[in-house]
Every structure is written in C-alpha cells, then in structure tokens.
Amino acid sequence: MPKFLIQKQAIANGRVRIIGQEAKHISKILRLKKGDPLDLTDGKGVDYSGLILGTSLHQVDIEIISEQPSATESPLKISLCSGMLKNQKMDEMIKNLTQLGIDEWIPFFCERSVPTPDSKGIEKKLGRWQNIAREAVKQCRRSRVPDILTPVDFRKVLDRTAPSDIKIAFWEGSDTPLKSLTVPSPAPDSRVAILIGPEGGFSSREIKMAQEKGFISFSLGPRILRAENASVCACALVQHILGDM
C-alpha cells in the first residue's frame, strides 16, 4: 500500500480531505472504503496513520489517528549532482534516485553536456521531474519529497555544495575504488555531495576545479557505465557505505 501525500496545513480538527486523482486512486483502484486504514505523509518527514471516514469518486475524507516522525528516511542528506542528459534518461534516473533516498538532486551543465540550456524548456522539465519524484516517494513509502532543483552551471554546483561534510566526485579517470574511502561514522543528518558527469564524463579541468573545492575523486570500477546508471550506482554505494543500505 503506498503512502499518500497531504499538506500538513490541510489538517483541520484531526481530519483531512484528499481530492482529485488521488481520491480516485484510493476509491476506484485500491477499492478502499469507510473504516479502512490509510498511511499518509506530509512529504517533509512526518507520517500519519489515518482512518477513512467516507469516499466518493472525487474526494476521500480521513480521520488522523496518529502522527509520528518517519522511519524510512536516510540518516544521510545526499545531494546528488549529475550532468544533464537527454530527457527520458533523466526521468528514470530521478525515479530511481528518489527510491534510494536522496535529499536533493542538482542537475548541471558542463563542458560535455549534450542538452543545451533553454529557459522555457527547463521550466517544463522541472515540473515533470518534481511530479516524478512525488510519485516515487509514494511508491517506495518515503516520507520526504527530495528537492529537485533548476539546472545550473558547474561552478554554481561547486559553490552550492561547499558546506557538505563529505564530497565525492566519480570520474572514469580515477583508479581509486570507493571502498578505500575512510571517514569516521557520519553523524545523523551529515550532508554528502556526489558529483556524476554527463555522457562524455568530466574534463580534467573540471575535476581539478572540483578537487580544489574539496571533492575526492573515485572510480566506479573498470567498466564504463552509462551516465544514468552511474548516478544510481554511486548513490547506492554511498548509502551502503555511509547510510542505511
């Protein structure tokens, strides 16, 4: 059973109403009815247990039974920064990264990026990416929707991730495996920045820029991964070594 997203401010007198397509999904697809339990989240780390009071095609009324902090969020705050790819590759990547527990996703343009900036097109893509992340949160029973940021240039990514506790850049020119990463056990809510290049990878100049900002370069092994697979693999490895996988 997926969790359903609600706005915390929409709760009034211990009750909340779900409308639109979400209500239709609950009543017509899942065939839930009065008296059935329902799991809810505000998308910001708080979960709710609810009891359905009534359903119709267009709305579902729910009584909030209990409220509790999420038990499904990663202790790491991962900022996954990836070079821009073609549309369909980005869509699938966001879905998978959300399931792996990232805190935010920062796409960027760099020397070897294939797509070029287009402000009108970017706005449309951003809305789609945010919807994909929301749907993935419901499916994997997370309690926080990751921040999906507007694409920026490479220098701005390095500036934005400057406060991160751990900075990792995956680069095919490195021969250092991630298992050699030696850091103390990260404190709860430690922020980890991960850099993944576009299909053509990072240039030597860009890696040097990242290293000057505190990033350590690592390899993802002797085989060259597609950029979208590299992002997912990198996130899973970091979660395994430092997080909760």
Protein backbone atom coordinates (compact mmCIF):
# COMPACT_ATOMS: atom_id res chain seq x y z
CA MET A 1 0.00 0.00 0.00
CA PRO A 2 1.55 3.35 -0.98
CA LYS A 3 1.69 6.36 1.29
CA PHE A 4 -0.41 9.32 0.20
CA LEU A 5 0.87 12.87 0.27
CA ILE A 6 -1.06 15.56 2.13
CA GLN A 7 -0.41 19.16 3.13
CA LYS A 8 0.06 19.45 6.90
CA GLN A 9 -1.83 22.75 6.90
CA ALA A 10 -4.80 20.96 5.32
CA ILE A 11 -5.40 19.01 8.54
CA ALA A 12 -8.27 20.57 10.49
CA ASN A 13 -9.84 19.22 13.66
CA GLY A 14 -7.99 15.95 13.25
CA ARG A 15 -9.29 15.40 9.73
CA VAL A 16 -8.01 15.82 6.20
CA ARG A 17 -9.57 15.53 2.74
CA ILE A 18 -7.89 14.08 -0.37
CA ILE A 19 -9.35 15.16 -3.71
CA GLY A 20 -8.82 14.68 -7.45
CA GLN A 21 -6.85 11.82 -8.97
CA GLU A 22 -5.55 10.71 -5.58
CA ALA A 23 -9.11 10.26 -4.32
CA LYS A 24 -10.00 8.30 -7.44
CA HIS A 25 -6.96 6.07 -6.94
CA ILE A 26 -7.97 5.33 -3.34
CA SER A 27 -11.63 4.63 -4.04
CA LYS A 28 -11.64 3.11 -7.54
CA ILE A 29 -8.22 1.50 -7.98
CA LEU A 30 -7.41 0.39 -4.44
CA ARG A 31 -11.13 -0.01 -3.65
CA LEU A 32 -10.69 1.25 -0.10
CA LYS A 33 -13.82 2.15 1.81
CA LYS A 34 -15.10 3.62 5.06
CA GLY A 35 -13.24 2.18 8.05
CA ASP A 36 -10.10 1.17 6.12
CA PRO A 37 -6.71 2.40 7.40
CA LEU A 38 -4.53 4.65 5.25
CA ASP A 39 -0.91 5.75 5.56
CA LEU A 40 -0.18 9.42 4.89
CA THR A 41 2.86 11.70 4.85
CA ASP A 42 3.34 15.44 4.59
CA GLY A 43 6.37 14.94 2.30
CA LYS A 44 8.61 16.69 4.84
CA GLY A 45 9.44 13.77 7.13
CA VAL A 46 6.24 13.33 9.17
CA ASP A 47 3.93 10.33 8.78
CA TYR A 48 0.29 9.92 9.76
CA SER A 49 -1.96 6.95 10.32
CA GLY A 50 -5.48 7.62 9.13
CA LEU A 51 -8.89 6.00 9.03
CA ILE A 52 -11.20 6.56 6.07
CA LEU A 53 -14.46 8.26 7.04
CA GLY A 54 -16.02 8.22 3.60
CA THR A 55 -15.16 8.01 -0.09
CA SER A 56 -16.50 9.21 -3.41
CA LEU A 57 -15.09 9.47 -6.92
CA HIS A 58 -13.71 12.93 -6.24
CA GLN A 59 -12.89 13.05 -2.52
CA VAL A 60 -11.85 10.91 0.42
CA ASP A 61 -12.30 12.11 4.00
CA ILE A 62 -9.83 10.80 6.57
CA GLU A 63 -9.54 10.95 10.34
CA ILE A 64 -5.95 11.33 11.60
CA ILE A 65 -5.33 8.65 14.24
CA SER A 66 -1.66 9.25 15.00
CA GLU A 67 1.37 11.30 13.94
CA GLN A 68 4.98 10.13 14.03
CA PRO A 69 8.39 11.01 12.58
CA SER A 70 9.40 9.00 9.53
CA ALA A 71 11.19 5.67 9.92
CA THR A 72 12.04 5.41 6.21
CA GLU A 73 14.32 8.41 5.61
CA SER A 74 18.08 8.01 5.24
CA PRO A 75 20.32 9.38 8.01
CA LEU A 76 22.44 10.88 5.21
CA LYS A 77 21.47 14.05 3.41
CA ILE A 78 22.66 13.19 -0.09
CA SER A 79 22.95 15.91 -2.70
CA LEU A 80 23.22 14.03 -5.99
CA CYS A 81 24.62 16.36 -8.65
CA SER A 82 24.51 15.00 -12.19
CA GLY A 83 25.36 16.34 -15.61
CA MET A 84 22.40 16.98 -17.88
CA LEU A 85 21.28 14.05 -20.03
CA LYS A 86 18.57 13.53 -22.60
CA ASN A 87 15.01 13.76 -21.26
CA GLN A 88 13.94 10.14 -20.87
CA LYS A 89 17.19 9.22 -19.15
CA MET A 90 16.69 11.99 -16.61
CA ASP A 91 13.12 10.92 -15.86
CA GLU A 92 14.06 7.33 -14.99
CA MET A 93 17.11 8.43 -13.05
CA ILE A 94 15.08 10.75 -10.80
CA LYS A 95 12.64 7.95 -10.04
CA ASN A 96 15.45 5.59 -9.01
CA LEU A 97 17.40 8.19 -7.03
CA THR A 98 14.28 9.13 -5.07
CA GLN A 99 13.80 5.49 -4.14
CA LEU A 100 17.41 5.34 -2.95
CA GLY A 101 16.76 8.19 -0.53
CA ILE A 102 18.45 11.31 -1.90
CA ASP A 103 17.74 14.61 -0.15
CA GLU A 104 18.17 16.79 -3.22
CA TRP A 105 19.02 16.46 -6.91
CA ILE A 106 21.02 19.17 -8.66
CA PRO A 107 21.34 18.86 -12.45
CA PHE A 108 24.06 20.89 -14.11
CA PHE A 109 25.53 21.86 -17.45
CA CYS A 110 29.23 21.31 -18.02
CA GLU A 111 31.71 21.09 -20.90
CA ARG A 112 30.47 17.78 -22.30
CA SER A 113 26.74 18.12 -21.63
CA VAL A 114 24.67 17.16 -24.67
CA PRO A 115 21.49 19.21 -23.97
CA THR A 116 21.91 22.97 -24.04
CA PRO A 117 20.17 25.46 -21.67
CA ASP A 118 16.68 26.56 -22.71
CA SER A 119 14.85 28.52 -20.02
CA LYS A 120 11.36 27.83 -21.38
CA GLY A 121 12.03 24.12 -21.84
CA ILE A 122 13.76 23.83 -18.46
CA GLU A 123 10.70 25.17 -16.62
CA LYS A 124 8.51 22.49 -18.20
CA LYS A 125 11.04 19.76 -17.43
CA LEU A 126 11.39 20.89 -13.83
CA GLY A 127 7.65 20.48 -13.22
CA ARG A 128 7.73 16.98 -14.72
CA TRP A 129 10.77 15.98 -12.66
CA GLN A 130 9.12 17.17 -9.45
CA ASN A 131 5.99 15.14 -10.24
CA ILE A 132 8.13 12.05 -10.91
CA ALA A 133 9.82 12.48 -7.53
CA ARG A 134 6.47 12.82 -5.75
CA GLU A 135 5.12 9.65 -7.34
CA ALA A 136 8.30 7.76 -6.46
CA VAL A 137 8.01 8.87 -2.82
CA LYS A 138 4.52 7.40 -2.60
CA GLN A 139 5.55 4.13 -4.25
CA CYS A 140 8.62 3.49 -2.08
CA ARG A 141 6.94 4.69 1.13
CA ARG A 142 9.33 7.52 1.81
CA SER A 143 8.22 10.48 3.88
CA ARG A 144 10.11 13.32 2.28
CA VAL A 145 9.95 14.57 -1.29
CA PRO A 146 13.52 15.38 -2.41
CA ASP A 147 14.26 18.88 -3.64
CA ILE A 148 14.52 18.91 -7.44
CA LEU A 149 16.47 22.00 -8.39
CA THR A 150 16.70 24.05 -11.54
CA PRO A 151 19.76 23.12 -13.68
CA VAL A 152 22.78 25.34 -13.10
CA ASP A 153 26.31 25.56 -14.46
CA PHE A 154 29.16 23.51 -13.00
CA ARG A 155 30.70 26.34 -10.97
CA LYS A 156 27.40 27.00 -9.18
CA VAL A 157 27.13 23.32 -8.23
CA LEU A 158 30.55 23.50 -6.60
CA ASP A 159 29.52 26.65 -4.72
CA ARG A 160 26.19 25.19 -3.58
CA THR A 161 27.78 22.00 -2.23
CA ALA A 162 30.58 23.86 -0.43
CA PRO A 163 29.11 23.27 3.09
CA SER A 164 28.85 19.47 2.56
CA ASP A 165 30.58 17.25 5.13
CA ILE A 166 31.78 14.70 2.53
CA LYS A 167 32.38 15.47 -1.15
CA ILE A 168 32.77 12.67 -3.70
CA ALA A 169 33.34 13.03 -7.44
CA PHE A 170 33.07 9.88 -9.54
CA TRP A 171 35.35 10.05 -12.56
CA GLU A 172 36.47 7.42 -15.06
CA GLY A 173 39.99 8.83 -14.90
CA SER A 174 40.36 7.83 -11.24
CA ASP A 175 41.70 4.43 -10.20
CA THR A 176 40.70 4.78 -6.53
CA PRO A 177 37.78 2.49 -5.52
CA LEU A 178 35.13 3.90 -3.21
CA LYS A 179 35.80 1.13 -0.67
CA SER A 180 39.04 2.96 0.16
CA LEU A 181 37.02 5.91 1.46
CA THR A 182 37.99 6.36 5.10
CA VAL A 183 35.80 8.66 7.12
CA PRO A 184 34.54 8.47 10.72
CA SER A 185 30.99 7.23 11.15
CA PRO A 186 28.95 10.14 9.84
CA ALA A 187 26.76 11.97 12.32
CA PRO A 188 22.99 11.92 11.74
CA ASP A 189 21.99 14.37 9.01
CA SER A 190 25.54 14.55 7.63
CA ARG A 191 25.46 16.01 4.13
CA VAL A 192 27.18 14.15 1.32
CA ALA A 193 27.67 15.71 -2.12
CA ILE A 194 28.08 13.34 -5.07
CA LEU A 195 29.22 14.52 -8.49
CA ILE A 196 28.44 12.49 -11.62
CA GLY A 197 29.36 13.75 -15.08
CA PRO A 198 27.28 13.70 -18.30
CA GLU A 199 27.57 11.08 -21.05
CA GLY A 200 31.02 12.35 -22.07
CA GLY A 201 32.26 12.49 -18.49
CA PHE A 202 34.12 15.29 -16.76
CA SER A 203 37.05 17.04 -18.33
CA SER A 204 40.39 17.08 -16.47
CA ARG A 205 39.87 20.81 -15.90
CA GLU A 206 36.50 20.23 -14.22
CA ILE A 207 37.88 17.51 -11.96
CA LYS A 208 40.68 19.86 -10.93
CA MET A 209 38.08 22.54 -10.12
CA ALA A 210 36.13 20.04 -8.00
CA GLN A 211 39.25 18.90 -6.16
CA GLU A 212 40.13 22.50 -5.37
CA LYS A 213 36.68 22.72 -3.70
CA GLY A 214 37.35 19.67 -1.53
CA PHE A 215 36.00 16.84 -3.69
CA ILE A 216 37.84 13.50 -3.70
CA SER A 217 37.69 11.58 -6.99
CA PHE A 218 36.79 7.89 -7.01
CA SER A 219 36.22 5.21 -9.62
CA LEU A 220 33.08 3.15 -10.21
CA GLY A 221 35.19 0.25 -11.46
CA PRO A 222 36.98 -0.75 -14.67
CA ARG A 223 33.83 -0.83 -16.80
CA ILE A 224 32.41 2.39 -18.21
CA LEU A 225 28.82 2.87 -17.02
CA ARG A 226 26.19 4.87 -18.81
CA ALA A 227 25.76 8.21 -17.04
CA GLU A 228 22.25 7.43 -15.78
CA ASN A 229 23.40 4.07 -14.39
CA ALA A 230 26.47 5.66 -12.81
CA SER A 231 24.25 8.05 -10.81
CA VAL A 232 22.14 5.24 -9.40
CA CYS A 233 25.16 3.02 -8.72
CA ALA A 234 27.04 5.84 -7.00
CA CYS A 235 24.10 6.69 -4.75
CA ALA A 236 23.56 3.03 -3.79
CA LEU A 237 27.25 2.58 -2.94
CA VAL A 238 27.35 5.69 -0.77
CA GLN A 239 24.16 4.61 1.02
CA HIS A 240 25.70 1.18 1.60
CA ILE A 241 28.99 2.51 2.99
CA LEU A 242 27.75 5.55 4.90
CA GLY A 243 23.97 5.33 5.03
CA ASP A 244 21.27 2.77 5.74
CA MET A 245 21.51 0.16 2.98
